[in-house]
PDB file of N, CA and C in Angstrom:
ATOM      1  N   MET A   1       0.820  -1.182   0.000  1.00  0.00           N
ATOM      2  CA  MET A   1       0.000   0.000   0.000  1.00  0.00           C
ATOM      3  C   MET A   1       0.873   1.259   0.000  1.00  0.00           C
ATOM      4  N   ALA A   2       1.989   1.240   0.726  1.00  0.00           N
ATOM      5  CA  ALA A   2       2.891   2.375   0.753  1.00  0.00           C
ATOM      6  C   ALA A   2       3.504   2.589  -0.616  1.00  0.00           C
ATOM      7  N   GLU A   3       3.730   1.506  -1.374  1.00  0.00           N
ATOM      8  CA  GLU A   3       4.289   1.618  -2.721  1.00  0.00           C
ATOM      9  C   GLU A   3       3.316   2.311  -3.658  1.00  0.00           C
ATOM     10  N   GLU A   4       2.025   2.032  -3.516  1.00  0.00           N
ATOM     11  CA  GLU A   4       1.018   2.656  -4.380  1.00  0.00           C
ATOM     12  C   GLU A   4       0.980   4.169  -4.175  1.00  0.00           C
ATOM     13  N   ILE A   5       1.147   4.612  -2.932  1.00  0.00           N
ATOM     14  CA  ILE A   5       1.111   6.048  -2.643  1.00  0.00           C
ATOM     15  C   ILE A   5       2.322   6.732  -3.271  1.00  0.00           C
ATOM     16  N   ARG A   6       3.495   6.097  -3.208  1.00  0.00           N
ATOM     17  CA  ARG A   6       4.696   6.679  -3.792  1.00  0.00           C
ATOM     18  C   ARG A   6       4.561   6.794  -5.311  1.00  0.00           C
ATOM     19  N   VAL A   7       4.019   5.759  -5.956  1.00  0.00           N
ATOM     20  CA  VAL A   7       3.853   5.768  -7.405  1.00  0.00           C
ATOM     21  C   VAL A   7       2.868   6.847  -7.818  1.00  0.00           C
ATOM     22  N   ALA A   8       1.786   6.995  -7.087  1.00  0.00           N
ATOM     23  CA  ALA A   8       0.777   8.000  -7.403  1.00  0.00           C
ATOM     24  C   ALA A   8       1.347   9.409  -7.225  1.00  0.00           C
ATOM     25  N   ALA A   9       2.136   9.613  -6.184  1.00  0.00           N
ATOM     26  CA  ALA A   9       2.717  10.936  -5.931  1.00  0.00           C
ATOM     27  C   ALA A   9       3.740  11.290  -7.005  1.00  0.00           C
ATOM     28  N   ALA A  10       4.482  10.302  -7.492  1.00  0.00           N
ATOM     29  CA  ALA A  10       5.481  10.553  -8.523  1.00  0.00           C
ATOM     30  C   ALA A  10       4.832  10.885  -9.854  1.00  0.00           C
ATOM     31  N   GLY A  11       3.678  10.358 -10.140  1.00  0.00           N
ATOM     32  CA  GLY A  11       3.017  10.584 -11.423  1.00  0.00           C
ATOM     33  C   GLY A  11       2.267  11.892 -11.490  1.00  0.00           C
ATOM     34  N   GLU A  12       2.030  12.563 -10.361  1.00  0.00           N
ATOM     35  CA  GLU A  12       1.239  13.784 -10.366  1.00  0.00           C
ATOM     36  C   GLU A  12       2.015  15.009 -10.821  1.00  0.00           C
ATOM     37  N   GLY A  13       3.315  15.033 -10.695  1.00  0.00           N
ATOM     38  CA  GLY A  13       4.109  16.218 -11.038  1.00  0.00           C
ATOM     39  C   GLY A  13       4.099  16.485 -12.524  1.00  0.00           C
ATOM     40  N   SER A  14       4.614  17.654 -12.918  1.00  0.00           N
ATOM     41  CA  SER A  14       4.660  18.021 -14.332  1.00  0.00           C
ATOM     42  C   SER A  14       6.011  17.669 -14.939  1.00  0.00           C
ATOM     43  N   SER A  15       6.607  16.549 -14.493  1.00  0.00           N
ATOM     44  CA  SER A  15       7.908  16.164 -15.024  1.00  0.00           C
ATOM     45  C   SER A  15       7.773  15.361 -16.299  1.00  0.00           C
ATOM     46  N   GLY A  16       6.604  15.276 -16.853  1.00  0.00           N
ATOM     47  CA  GLY A  16       6.378  14.497 -18.058  1.00  0.00           C
ATOM     48  C   GLY A  16       6.769  15.240 -19.321  1.00  0.00           C
ATOM     49  N   GLY A  17       7.450  16.373 -19.219  1.00  0.00           N
ATOM     50  CA  GLY A  17       7.885  17.109 -20.391  1.00  0.00           C
ATOM     51  C   GLY A  17       6.838  18.071 -20.911  1.00  0.00           C
ATOM     52  N   GLU A  18       5.703  18.142 -20.284  1.00  0.00           N
ATOM     53  CA  GLU A  18       4.658  19.047 -20.738  1.00  0.00           C
ATOM     54  C   GLU A  18       4.862  20.407 -20.081  1.00  0.00           C
ATOM     55  N   ARG A  19       4.578  21.433 -20.854  1.00  0.00           N
ATOM     56  CA  ARG A  19       4.659  22.793 -20.319  1.00  0.00           C
ATOM     57  C   ARG A  19       3.260  23.312 -20.096  1.00  0.00           C
ATOM     58  N   PRO A  20       3.087  24.119 -19.082  1.00  0.00           N
ATOM     59  CA  PRO A  20       1.773  24.745 -18.942  1.00  0.00           C
ATOM     60  C   PRO A  20       1.566  25.736 -20.077  1.00  0.00           C
ATOM     61  N   SER A  21       0.336  25.789 -20.583  1.00  0.00           N
ATOM     62  CA  SER A  21       0.079  26.683 -21.716  1.00  0.00           C
ATOM     63  C   SER A  21       0.179  28.111 -21.235  1.00  0.00           C
ATOM     64  N   GLY A  22       0.886  28.919 -22.005  1.00  0.00           N
ATOM     65  CA  GLY A  22       1.156  30.293 -21.592  1.00  0.00           C
ATOM     66  C   GLY A  22       0.388  31.292 -22.410  1.00  0.00           C
ATOM     67  N   GLY A  23      -0.898  31.416 -22.232  1.00  0.00           N
ATOM     68  CA  GLY A  23      -1.678  32.463 -22.878  1.00  0.00           C
ATOM     69  C   GLY A  23      -1.751  32.303 -24.380  1.00  0.00           C
ATOM     70  N   ASP A  24      -1.121  33.247 -25.117  1.00  0.00           N
ATOM     71  CA  ASP A  24      -1.243  33.266 -26.567  1.00  0.00           C
ATOM     72  C   ASP A  24      -0.187  32.403 -27.259  1.00  0.00           C
ATOM     73  N   ARG A  25       0.675  31.767 -26.509  1.00  0.00           N
ATOM     74  CA  ARG A  25       1.703  30.929 -27.108  1.00  0.00           C
ATOM     75  C   ARG A  25       1.113  29.640 -27.609  1.00  0.00           C
ATOM     76  N   PRO A  26       1.457  29.203 -28.795  1.00  0.00           N
ATOM     77  CA  PRO A  26       0.902  27.947 -29.285  1.00  0.00           C
ATOM     78  C   PRO A  26       1.471  26.776 -28.505  1.00  0.00           C
ATOM     79  N   SER A  27       0.594  25.833 -28.157  1.00  0.00           N
ATOM     80  CA  SER A  27       1.076  24.665 -27.432  1.00  0.00           C
ATOM     81  C   SER A  27       1.647  23.679 -28.431  1.00  0.00           C
ATOM     82  N   GLY A  28       2.586  22.890 -27.993  1.00  0.00           N
ATOM     83  CA  GLY A  28       3.188  21.911 -28.887  1.00  0.00           C
ATOM     84  C   GLY A  28       4.664  22.178 -29.032  1.00  0.00           C
ATOM     85  N   PRO A  29       5.241  21.696 -30.127  1.00  0.00           N
ATOM     86  CA  PRO A  29       6.689  21.854 -30.299  1.00  0.00           C
ATOM     87  C   PRO A  29       7.080  23.314 -30.498  1.00  0.00           C
ATOM     88  N   ASP A  30       8.345  23.614 -30.202  1.00  0.00           N
ATOM     89  CA  ASP A  30       8.856  24.972 -30.345  1.00  0.00           C
ATOM     90  C   ASP A  30       8.909  25.366 -31.808  1.00  0.00           C
ATOM     91  N   ARG A  31       9.156  26.647 -32.035  1.00  0.00           N
ATOM     92  CA  ARG A  31       9.247  27.186 -33.381  1.00  0.00           C
ATOM     93  C   ARG A  31      10.371  26.514 -34.174  1.00  0.00           C
ATOM     94  N   SER A  32      11.504  26.272 -33.480  1.00  0.00           N
ATOM     95  CA  SER A  32      12.646  25.667 -34.162  1.00  0.00           C
ATOM     96  C   SER A  32      12.342  24.236 -34.597  1.00  0.00           C
ATOM     97  N   ASP A  33      11.472  23.540 -33.853  1.00  0.00           N
ATOM     98  CA  ASP A  33      11.112  22.175 -34.230  1.00  0.00           C
ATOM     99  C   ASP A  33      10.237  22.152 -35.474  1.00  0.00           C
ATOM    100  N   ARG A  34       9.440  23.190 -35.682  1.00  0.00           N
ATOM    101  CA  ARG A  34       8.539  23.229 -36.834  1.00  0.00           C
ATOM    102  C   ARG A  34       9.243  23.712 -38.090  1.00  0.00           C
ATOM    103  N   GLY A  35      10.465  24.234 -37.958  1.00  0.00           N
ATOM    104  CA  GLY A  35      11.199  24.686 -39.131  1.00  0.00           C
ATOM    105  C   GLY A  35      10.938  26.134 -39.493  1.00  0.00           C
ATOM    106  N   GLU A  36      10.152  26.854 -38.675  1.00  0.00           N
ATOM    107  CA  GLU A  36       9.893  28.267 -38.966  1.00  0.00           C
ATOM    108  C   GLU A  36      11.090  29.098 -38.536  1.00  0.00           C
ATOM    109  N   ARG A  37      11.350  30.157 -39.266  1.00  0.00           N
ATOM    110  CA  ARG A  37      12.451  31.058 -38.912  1.00  0.00           C
ATOM    111  C   ARG A  37      11.911  32.462 -38.833  1.00  0.00           C
ATOM    112  N   ARG A  38      12.496  33.250 -37.960  1.00  0.00           N
ATOM    113  CA  ARG A  38      12.107  34.657 -37.856  1.00  0.00           C
ATOM    114  C   ARG A  38      12.727  35.422 -39.007  1.00  0.00           C
ATOM    115  N   PRO A  39      12.064  36.460 -39.483  1.00  0.00           N
ATOM    116  CA  PRO A  39      12.677  37.281 -40.534  1.00  0.00           C
ATOM    117  C   PRO A  39      13.866  38.038 -39.967  1.00  0.00           C
ATOM    118  N   PRO A  40      14.863  38.356 -40.779  1.00  0.00           N
ATOM    119  CA  PRO A  40      16.043  39.074 -40.264  1.00  0.00           C
ATOM    120  C   PRO A  40      15.652  40.467 -39.792  1.00  0.00           C
ATOM    121  N   ARG A  41      16.330  40.921 -38.762  1.00  0.00           N
ATOM    122  CA  ARG A  41      16.040  42.247 -38.223  1.00  0.00           C
ATOM    123  C   ARG A  41      16.653  43.306 -39.117  1.00  0.00           C
ATOM    124  N   PRO A  42      15.932  44.403 -39.329  1.00  0.00           N
ATOM    125  CA  PRO A  42      16.469  45.460 -40.188  1.00  0.00           C
ATOM    126  C   PRO A  42      17.584  46.221 -39.491  1.00  0.00           C
ATOM    127  N   GLY A  43      18.404  46.855 -40.292  1.00  0.00           N
ATOM    128  CA  GLY A  43      19.411  47.737 -39.734  1.00  0.00           C
ATOM    129  C   GLY A  43      20.785  47.119 -39.670  1.00  0.00           C
ATOM    130  N   GLY A  44      21.502  47.480 -38.688  1.00  0.00           N
ATOM    131  CA  GLY A  44      22.875  47.081 -38.490  1.00  0.00           C
ATOM    132  C   GLY A  44      23.434  48.026 -37.453  1.00  0.00           C
ATOM    133  N   PRO A  45      24.658  48.491 -37.627  1.00  0.00           N
ATOM    134  CA  PRO A  45      25.166  49.468 -36.661  1.00  0.00           C
ATOM    135  C   PRO A  45      24.354  50.753 -36.728  1.00  0.00           C
ATOM    136  N   GLY A  46      23.864  51.204 -35.623  1.00  0.00           N
ATOM    137  CA  GLY A  46      23.065  52.422 -35.607  1.00  0.00           C
ATOM    138  C   GLY A  46      21.576  52.146 -35.705  1.00  0.00           C
ATOM    139  N   GLY A  47      21.189  50.891 -35.914  1.00  0.00           N
ATOM    140  CA  GLY A  47      19.777  50.550 -35.977  1.00  0.00           C
ATOM    141  C   GLY A  47      19.151  50.928 -37.293  1.00  0.00           C
ATOM    142  N   GLY A  48      18.004  50.382 -37.564  1.00  0.00           N
ATOM    143  CA  GLY A  48      17.324  50.680 -38.819  1.00  0.00           C
ATOM    144  C   GLY A  48      15.982  51.309 -38.558  1.00  0.00           C
ATOM    145  N   ARG A  49      15.694  52.325 -39.280  1.00  0.00           N
ATOM    146  CA  ARG A  49      14.381  52.955 -39.175  1.00  0.00           C
ATOM    147  C   ARG A  49      13.727  52.864 -40.530  1.00  0.00           C
ATOM    148  N   GLU A  50      12.457  52.572 -40.515  1.00  0.00           N
ATOM    149  CA  GLU A  50      11.756  52.400 -41.778  1.00  0.00           C
ATOM    150  C   GLU A  50      11.609  53.735 -42.504  1.00  0.00           C
ATOM    151  N   GLY A  51      12.021  53.755 -43.743  1.00  0.00           N
ATOM    152  CA  GLY A  51      11.805  54.912 -44.594  1.00  0.00           C
ATOM    153  C   GLY A  51      12.639  56.133 -44.264  1.00  0.00           C
ATOM    154  N   GLY A  52      13.507  56.060 -43.297  1.00  0.00           N
ATOM    155  CA  GLY A  52      14.279  57.235 -42.920  1.00  0.00           C
ATOM    156  C   GLY A  52      15.766  56.981 -43.003  1.00  0.00           C
ATOM    157  N   ARG A  53      16.505  57.974 -42.587  1.00  0.00           N
ATOM    158  CA  ARG A  53      17.958  57.823 -42.574  1.00  0.00           C
ATOM    159  C   ARG A  53      18.374  56.924 -41.430  1.00  0.00           C
ATOM    160  N   LYS A  54      19.522  56.324 -41.585  1.00  0.00           N
ATOM    161  CA  LYS A  54      20.065  55.542 -40.488  1.00  0.00           C
ATOM    162  C   LYS A  54      20.729  56.507 -39.513  1.00  0.00           C
ATOM    163  N   TYR A  55      20.529  56.248 -38.238  1.00  0.00           N
ATOM    164  CA  TYR A  55      21.057  57.130 -37.204  1.00  0.00           C
ATOM    165  C   TYR A  55      22.474  56.704 -36.879  1.00  0.00           C
ATOM    166  N   PHE A  56      23.400  57.640 -36.952  1.00  0.00           N
ATOM    167  CA  PHE A  56      24.795  57.355 -36.647  1.00  0.00           C
ATOM    168  C   PHE A  56      25.204  58.166 -35.431  1.00  0.00           C
ATOM    169  N   ARG A  57      25.601  57.464 -34.368  1.00  0.00           N
ATOM    170  CA  ARG A  57      26.029  58.158 -33.164  1.00  0.00           C
ATOM    171  C   ARG A  57      27.532  58.392 -33.227  1.00  0.00           C
ATOM    172  N   ARG A  58      27.908  59.645 -33.163  1.00  0.00           N
ATOM    173  CA  ARG A  58      29.317  60.008 -33.204  1.00  0.00           C
ATOM    174  C   ARG A  58      29.965  59.679 -31.863  1.00  0.00           C
ATOM    175  N   LYS A  59      31.190  59.192 -31.906  1.00  0.00           N
ATOM    176  CA  LYS A  59      31.907  58.857 -30.686  1.00  0.00           C
ATOM    177  C   LYS A  59      32.207  60.141 -29.923  1.00  0.00           C
ATOM    178  N   LYS A  60      31.897  60.128 -28.642  1.00  0.00           N
ATOM    179  CA  LYS A  60      32.107  61.317 -27.830  1.00  0.00           C
ATOM    180  C   LYS A  60      33.590  61.492 -27.534  1.00  0.00           C
ATOM    181  N   VAL A  61      34.029  62.723 -27.546  1.00  0.00           N
ATOM    182  CA  VAL A  61      35.442  63.035 -27.344  1.00  0.00           C
ATOM    183  C   VAL A  61      35.571  63.856 -26.065  1.00  0.00           C
ATOM    184  N   CYS A  62      36.634  63.602 -25.326  1.00  0.00           N
ATOM    185  CA  CYS A  62      36.870  64.300 -24.058  1.00  0.00           C
ATOM    186  C   CYS A  62      37.123  65.784 -24.309  1.00  0.00           C
ATOM    187  N   LYS A  63      36.324  66.613 -23.670  1.00  0.00           N
ATOM    188  CA  LYS A  63      36.442  68.063 -23.823  1.00  0.00           C
ATOM    189  C   LYS A  63      37.788  68.567 -23.311  1.00  0.00           C
ATOM    190  N   PHE A  64      38.266  67.973 -22.244  1.00  0.00           N
ATOM    191  CA  PHE A  64      39.519  68.413 -21.623  1.00  0.00           C
ATOM    192  C   PHE A  64      40.719  68.030 -22.483  1.00  0.00           C
ATOM    193  N   CYS A  65      40.651  66.888 -23.140  1.00  0.00           N
ATOM    194  CA  CYS A  65      41.754  66.474 -24.022  1.00  0.00           C
ATOM    195  C   CYS A  65      41.786  67.337 -25.282  1.00  0.00           C
ATOM    196  N   VAL A  66      40.612  67.632 -25.842  1.00  0.00           N
ATOM    197  CA  VAL A  66      40.531  68.428 -27.073  1.00  0.00           C
ATOM    198  C   VAL A  66      41.028  69.848 -26.831  1.00  0.00           C
ATOM    199  N   GLU A  67      40.577  70.457 -25.734  1.00  0.00           N
ATOM    200  CA  GLU A  67      40.966  71.836 -25.431  1.00  0.00           C
ATOM    201  C   GLU A  67      42.287  71.914 -24.670  1.00  0.00           C
ATOM    202  N   LYS A  68      42.917  70.767 -24.442  1.00  0.00           N
ATOM    203  CA  LYS A  68      44.216  70.664 -23.754  1.00  0.00           C
ATOM    204  C   LYS A  68      44.204  71.376 -22.401  1.00  0.00           C
ATOM    205  N   ILE A  69      43.149  71.092 -21.628  1.00  0.00           N
ATOM    206  CA  ILE A  69      43.054  71.633 -20.273  1.00  0.00           C
ATOM    207  C   ILE A  69      43.767  70.651 -19.354  1.00  0.00           C
ATOM    208  N   GLU A  70      44.879  71.095 -18.768  1.00  0.00           N
ATOM    209  CA  GLU A  70      45.682  70.210 -17.918  1.00  0.00           C
ATOM    210  C   GLU A  70      45.062  70.066 -16.529  1.00  0.00           C
ATOM    211  N   ALA A  71      44.872  71.190 -15.858  1.00  0.00           N
ATOM    212  CA  ALA A  71      44.366  71.152 -14.486  1.00  0.00           C
ATOM    213  C   ALA A  71      42.891  71.537 -14.465  1.00  0.00           C
ATOM    214  N   ILE A  72      42.124  70.780 -13.709  1.00  0.00           N
ATOM    215  CA  ILE A  72      40.709  71.114 -13.518  1.00  0.00           C
ATOM    216  C   ILE A  72      40.615  71.781 -12.149  1.00  0.00           C
ATOM    217  N   ASN A  73      40.318  73.073 -12.164  1.00  0.00           N
ATOM    218  CA  ASN A  73      40.319  73.862 -10.935  1.00  0.00           C
ATOM    219  C   ASN A  73      38.938  73.821 -10.289  1.00  0.00           C
ATOM    220  N   TYR A  74      38.891  73.603  -8.994  1.00  0.00           N
ATOM    221  CA  TYR A  74      37.614  73.535  -8.279  1.00  0.00           C
ATOM    222  C   TYR A  74      36.936  74.894  -8.207  1.00  0.00           C
ATOM    223  N   LYS A  75      37.691  75.993  -8.469  1.00  0.00           N
ATOM    224  CA  LYS A  75      37.112  77.336  -8.412  1.00  0.00           C
ATOM    225  C   LYS A  75      36.425  77.743  -9.719  1.00  0.00           C
ATOM    226  N   ASP A  76      36.646  76.965 -10.768  1.00  0.00           N
ATOM    227  CA  ASP A  76      36.038  77.273 -12.067  1.00  0.00           C
ATOM    228  C   ASP A  76      34.616  76.699 -12.107  1.00  0.00           C
ATOM    229  N   VAL A  77      33.683  77.452 -11.528  1.00  0.00           N
ATOM    230  CA  VAL A  77      32.314  76.964 -11.341  1.00  0.00           C
ATOM    231  C   VAL A  77      31.586  76.794 -12.675  1.00  0.00           C
ATOM    232  N   ARG A  78      31.842  77.677 -13.632  1.00  0.00           N
ATOM    233  CA  ARG A  78      31.166  77.576 -14.943  1.00  0.00           C
ATOM    234  C   ARG A  78      31.506  76.272 -15.639  1.00  0.00           C
ATOM    235  N   LEU A  79      32.761  75.887 -15.574  1.00  0.00           N
ATOM    236  CA  LEU A  79      33.182  74.639 -16.196  1.00  0.00           C
ATOM    237  C   LEU A  79      32.595  73.436 -15.466  1.00  0.00           C
ATOM    238  N   LEU A  80      32.665  73.448 -14.154  1.00  0.00           N
ATOM    239  CA  LEU A  80      32.186  72.319 -13.363  1.00  0.00           C
ATOM    240  C   LEU A  80      30.668  72.159 -13.456  1.00  0.00           C
ATOM    241  N   ALA A  81      29.957  73.267 -13.568  1.00  0.00           N
ATOM    242  CA  ALA A  81      28.494  73.217 -13.622  1.00  0.00           C
ATOM    243  C   ALA A  81      27.987  72.494 -14.872  1.00  0.00           C
ATOM    244  N   GLN A  82      28.803  72.449 -15.923  1.00  0.00           N
ATOM    245  CA  GLN A  82      28.405  71.733 -17.140  1.00  0.00           C
ATOM    246  C   GLN A  82      28.323  70.232 -16.905  1.00  0.00           C
ATOM    247  N   PHE A  83      29.026  69.746 -15.890  1.00  0.00           N
ATOM    248  CA  PHE A  83      29.095  68.321 -15.631  1.00  0.00           C
ATOM    249  C   PHE A  83      28.295  67.902 -14.409  1.00  0.00           C
ATOM    250  N   VAL A  84      27.422  68.801 -13.948  1.00  0.00           N
ATOM    251  CA  VAL A  84      26.524  68.498 -12.838  1.00  0.00           C
ATOM    252  C   VAL A  84      25.096  68.612 -13.359  1.00  0.00           C
ATOM    253  N   ALA A  85      24.287  67.591 -13.119  1.00  0.00           N
ATOM    254  CA  ALA A  85      22.896  67.592 -13.576  1.00  0.00           C
ATOM    255  C   ALA A  85      22.063  68.558 -12.722  1.00  0.00           C
ATOM    256  N   GLU A  86      20.842  68.828 -13.163  1.00  0.00           N
ATOM    257  CA  GLU A  86      19.954  69.723 -12.417  1.00  0.00           C
ATOM    258  C   GLU A  86      19.647  69.181 -11.037  1.00  0.00           C
ATOM    259  N   SER A  87      19.638  67.857 -10.927  1.00  0.00           N
ATOM    260  CA  SER A  87      19.364  67.241  -9.628  1.00  0.00           C
ATOM    261  C   SER A  87      20.544  67.361  -8.673  1.00  0.00           C
ATOM    262  N   GLY A  88      21.710  67.777  -9.188  1.00  0.00           N
ATOM    263  CA  GLY A  88      22.893  67.933  -8.356  1.00  0.00           C
ATOM    264  C   GLY A  88      23.875  66.793  -8.486  1.00  0.00           C
ATOM    265  N   LYS A  89      23.527  65.782  -9.260  1.00  0.00           N
ATOM    266  CA  LYS A  89      24.409  64.618  -9.420  1.00  0.00           C
ATOM    267  C   LYS A  89      25.496  64.895 -10.451  1.00  0.00           C
ATOM    268  N   ILE A  90      26.625  64.236 -10.278  1.00  0.00           N
ATOM    269  CA  ILE A  90      27.704  64.320 -11.261  1.00  0.00           C
ATOM    270  C   ILE A  90      27.314  63.467 -12.460  1.00  0.00           C
ATOM    271  N   VAL A  91      27.380  64.048 -13.653  1.00  0.00           N
ATOM    272  CA  VAL A  91      26.965  63.346 -14.866  1.00  0.00           C
ATOM    273  C   VAL A  91      28.018  62.286 -15.209  1.00  0.00           C
ATOM    274  N   PRO A  92      27.603  61.044 -15.519  1.00  0.00           N
ATOM    275  CA  PRO A  92      28.568  59.979 -15.790  1.00  0.00           C
ATOM    276  C   PRO A  92      29.309  60.146 -17.110  1.00  0.00           C
ATOM    277  N   ARG A  93      30.428  59.449 -17.213  1.00  0.00           N
ATOM    278  CA  ARG A  93      31.295  59.514 -18.391  1.00  0.00           C
ATOM    279  C   ARG A  93      30.571  59.150 -19.669  1.00  0.00           C
ATOM    280  N   ARG A  94      29.726  58.131 -19.603  1.00  0.00           N
ATOM    281  CA  ARG A  94      29.073  57.660 -20.826  1.00  0.00           C
ATOM    282  C   ARG A  94      28.157  58.708 -21.427  1.00  0.00           C
ATOM    283  N   LEU A  95      27.729  59.674 -20.628  1.00  0.00           N
ATOM    284  CA  LEU A  95      26.884  60.755 -21.152  1.00  0.00           C
ATOM    285  C   LEU A  95      27.705  61.957 -21.594  1.00  0.00           C
ATOM    286  N   THR A  96      28.775  62.275 -20.868  1.00  0.00           N
ATOM    287  CA  THR A  96      29.552  63.466 -21.193  1.00  0.00           C
ATOM    288  C   THR A  96      30.649  63.195 -22.210  1.00  0.00           C
ATOM    289  N   GLY A  97      31.188  61.974 -22.223  1.00  0.00           N
ATOM    290  CA  GLY A  97      32.269  61.653 -23.142  1.00  0.00           C
ATOM    291  C   GLY A  97      33.646  61.980 -22.601  1.00  0.00           C
ATOM    292  N   VAL A  98      33.741  62.342 -21.331  1.00  0.00           N
ATOM    293  CA  VAL A  98      35.026  62.680 -20.714  1.00  0.00           C
ATOM    294  C   VAL A  98      35.815  61.391 -20.486  1.00  0.00           C
ATOM    295  N   CYS A  99      37.129  61.444 -20.700  1.00  0.00           N
ATOM    296  CA  CYS A  99      37.965  60.256 -20.506  1.00  0.00           C
ATOM    297  C   CYS A  99      38.112  59.957 -19.009  1.00  0.00           C
ATOM    298  N   THR A 100      38.564  58.753 -18.712  1.00  0.00           N
ATOM    299  CA  THR A 100      38.622  58.292 -17.319  1.00  0.00           C
ATOM    300  C   THR A 100      39.488  59.164 -16.401  1.00  0.00           C
ATOM    301  N   PRO A 101      40.730  59.486 -16.767  1.00  0.00           N
ATOM    302  CA  PRO A 101      41.524  60.306 -15.845  1.00  0.00           C
ATOM    303  C   PRO A 101      40.931  61.689 -15.599  1.00  0.00           C
ATOM    304  N   HIS A 102      40.366  62.283 -16.649  1.00  0.00           N
ATOM    305  CA  HIS A 102      39.751  63.599 -16.467  1.00  0.00           C
ATOM    306  C   HIS A 102      38.462  63.505 -15.660  1.00  0.00           C
ATOM    307  N   GLN A 103      37.714  62.415 -15.811  1.00  0.00           N
ATOM    308  CA  GLN A 103      36.486  62.252 -15.030  1.00  0.00           C
ATOM    309  C   GLN A 103      36.818  62.150 -13.539  1.00  0.00           C
ATOM    310  N   ARG A 104      37.910  61.465 -13.224  1.00  0.00           N
ATOM    311  CA  ARG A 104      38.327  61.353 -11.819  1.00  0.00           C
ATOM    312  C   ARG A 104      38.665  62.724 -11.243  1.00  0.00           C
ATOM    313  N   ARG A 105      39.456  63.487 -11.999  1.00  0.00           N
ATOM    314  CA  ARG A 105      39.825  64.833 -11.536  1.00  0.00           C
ATOM    315  C   ARG A 105      38.609  65.747 -11.458  1.00  0.00           C
ATOM    316  N   LEU A 106      37.728  65.596 -12.424  1.00  0.00           N
ATOM    317  CA  LEU A 106      36.511  66.409 -12.478  1.00  0.00           C
ATOM    318  C   LEU A 106      35.622  66.137 -11.270  1.00  0.00           C
ATOM    319  N   SER A 107      35.442  64.861 -10.938  1.00  0.00           N
ATOM    320  CA  SER A 107      34.565  64.535  -9.813  1.00  0.00           C
ATOM    321  C   SER A 107      35.156  65.016  -8.493  1.00  0.00           C
ATOM    322  N   SER A 108      36.474  64.917  -8.342  1.00  0.00           N
ATOM    323  CA  SER A 108      37.069  65.418  -7.098  1.00  0.00           C
ATOM    324  C   SER A 108      36.985  66.948  -7.032  1.00  0.00           C
ATOM    325  N   ALA A 109      37.119  67.635  -8.173  1.00  0.00           N
ATOM    326  CA  ALA A 109      36.982  69.094  -8.189  1.00  0.00           C
ATOM    327  C   ALA A 109      35.551  69.511  -7.863  1.00  0.00           C
ATOM    328  N   ILE A 110      34.573  68.759  -8.374  1.00  0.00           N
ATOM    329  CA  ILE A 110      33.163  69.061  -8.075  1.00  0.00           C
ATOM    330  C   ILE A 110      32.905  68.869  -6.585  1.00  0.00           C
ATOM    331  N   LYS A 111      33.461  67.805  -6.016  1.00  0.00           N
ATOM    332  CA  LYS A 111      33.269  67.547  -4.588  1.00  0.00           C
ATOM    333  C   LYS A 111      33.919  68.635  -3.735  1.00  0.00           C
ATOM    334  N   GLN A 112      35.090  69.119  -4.150  1.00  0.00           N
ATOM    335  CA  GLN A 112      35.745  70.220  -3.426  1.00  0.00           C
ATOM    336  C   GLN A 112      34.897  71.486  -3.504  1.00  0.00           C
ATOM    337  N   ALA A 113      34.367  71.760  -4.713  1.00  0.00           N
ATOM    338  CA  ALA A 113      33.545  72.963  -4.898  1.00  0.00           C
ATOM    339  C   ALA A 113      32.254  72.872  -4.082  1.00  0.00           C
ATOM    340  N   ARG A 114      31.709  71.683  -3.936  1.00  0.00           N
ATOM    341  CA  ARG A 114      30.516  71.515  -3.103  1.00  0.00           C
ATOM    342  C   ARG A 114      30.842  71.791  -1.638  1.00  0.00           C
ATOM    343  N   ASN A 115      31.989  71.301  -1.194  1.00  0.00           N
ATOM    344  CA  ASN A 115      32.349  71.454   0.218  1.00  0.00           C
ATOM    345  C   ASN A 115      32.558  72.897   0.630  1.00  0.00           C
ATOM    346  N   ILE A 116      33.008  73.747  -0.285  1.00  0.00           N
ATOM    347  CA  ILE A 116      33.161  75.160   0.073  1.00  0.00           C
ATOM    348  C   ILE A 116      32.021  76.012  -0.492  1.00  0.00           C
ATOM    349  N   ALA A 117      30.914  75.351  -0.819  1.00  0.00           N
ATOM    350  CA  ALA A 117      29.642  75.992  -1.193  1.00  0.00           C
ATOM    351  C   ALA A 117      29.697  76.774  -2.495  1.00  0.00           C
ATOM    352  N   LEU A 118      30.553  76.361  -3.435  1.00  0.00           N
ATOM    353  CA  LEU A 118      30.523  76.971  -4.764  1.00  0.00           C
ATOM    354  C   LEU A 118      29.487  76.278  -5.653  1.00  0.00           C
ATOM    355  N   LEU A 119      29.257  75.001  -5.393  1.00  0.00           N
ATOM    356  CA  LEU A 119      28.240  74.223  -6.107  1.00  0.00           C
ATOM    357  C   LEU A 119      27.297  73.616  -5.091  1.00  0.00           C
ATOM    358  N   PRO A 120      26.013  73.458  -5.459  1.00  0.00           N
ATOM    359  CA  PRO A 120      25.056  72.855  -4.513  1.00  0.00           C
ATOM    360  C   PRO A 120      25.217  71.335  -4.462  1.00  0.00           C
ATOM    361  N   PHE A 121      24.918  70.754  -3.302  1.00  0.00           N
ATOM    362  CA  PHE A 121      24.921  69.301  -3.180  1.00  0.00           C
ATOM    363  C   PHE A 121      23.703  68.696  -3.858  1.00  0.00           C
ATOM    364  N   ALA A 122      22.575  69.380  -3.745  1.00  0.00           N
ATOM    365  CA  ALA A 122      21.327  68.872  -4.326  1.00  0.00           C
ATOM    366  C   ALA A 122      20.762  69.904  -5.277  1.00  0.00           C
ATOM    367  N   GLY A 123      19.832  69.442  -6.108  1.00  0.00           N
ATOM    368  CA  GLY A 123      19.200  70.352  -7.068  1.00  0.00           C
ATOM    369  C   GLY A 123      18.168  71.217  -6.392  1.00  0.00           C
ATOM    370  N   ARG A 124      17.408  71.894  -7.205  1.00  0.00           N
ATOM    371  CA  ARG A 124      16.371  72.779  -6.668  1.00  0.00           C
ATOM    372  C   ARG A 124      15.231  71.977  -6.061  1.00  0.00           C
ATOM    373  N   ALA A 125      14.713  72.458  -4.946  1.00  0.00           N
ATOM    374  CA  ALA A 125      13.575  71.793  -4.297  1.00  0.00           C
ATOM    375  C   ALA A 125      12.310  72.096  -5.086  1.00  0.00           C
ATOM    376  N   SER A 126      11.511  71.078  -5.295  1.00  0.00           N
ATOM    377  CA  SER A 126      10.273  71.298  -6.065  1.00  0.00           C
ATOM    378  C   SER A 126       9.044  71.145  -5.214  1.00  0.00           C
TER     379      SER A 126
END
């Protein structure tokens, strides 16, 4: 009798290879089993837009390297303010295009300027 209970409990699970039907997905074999293929995606580098020009993103160049600015001064508030968002956060490299060594110097200069109240720690209160 104990054997019958074990056999019945083992047969109740969904280990039989069946998947629960998921809404609009067709039940049965996968797409690859039926031989269907998806159409190729349009575009390539820069993505593809229907009927329009392809968008090309230009590689961002470090402003400090281009203008040959050696030292980033914490007192130069106009320069530092360009790299601080309205919320008061330091804008990341991937958005500004500043190289790694200059980003390090820039962030420390911004922090120094905040500490002596040349730049705000937070943005405007709303």
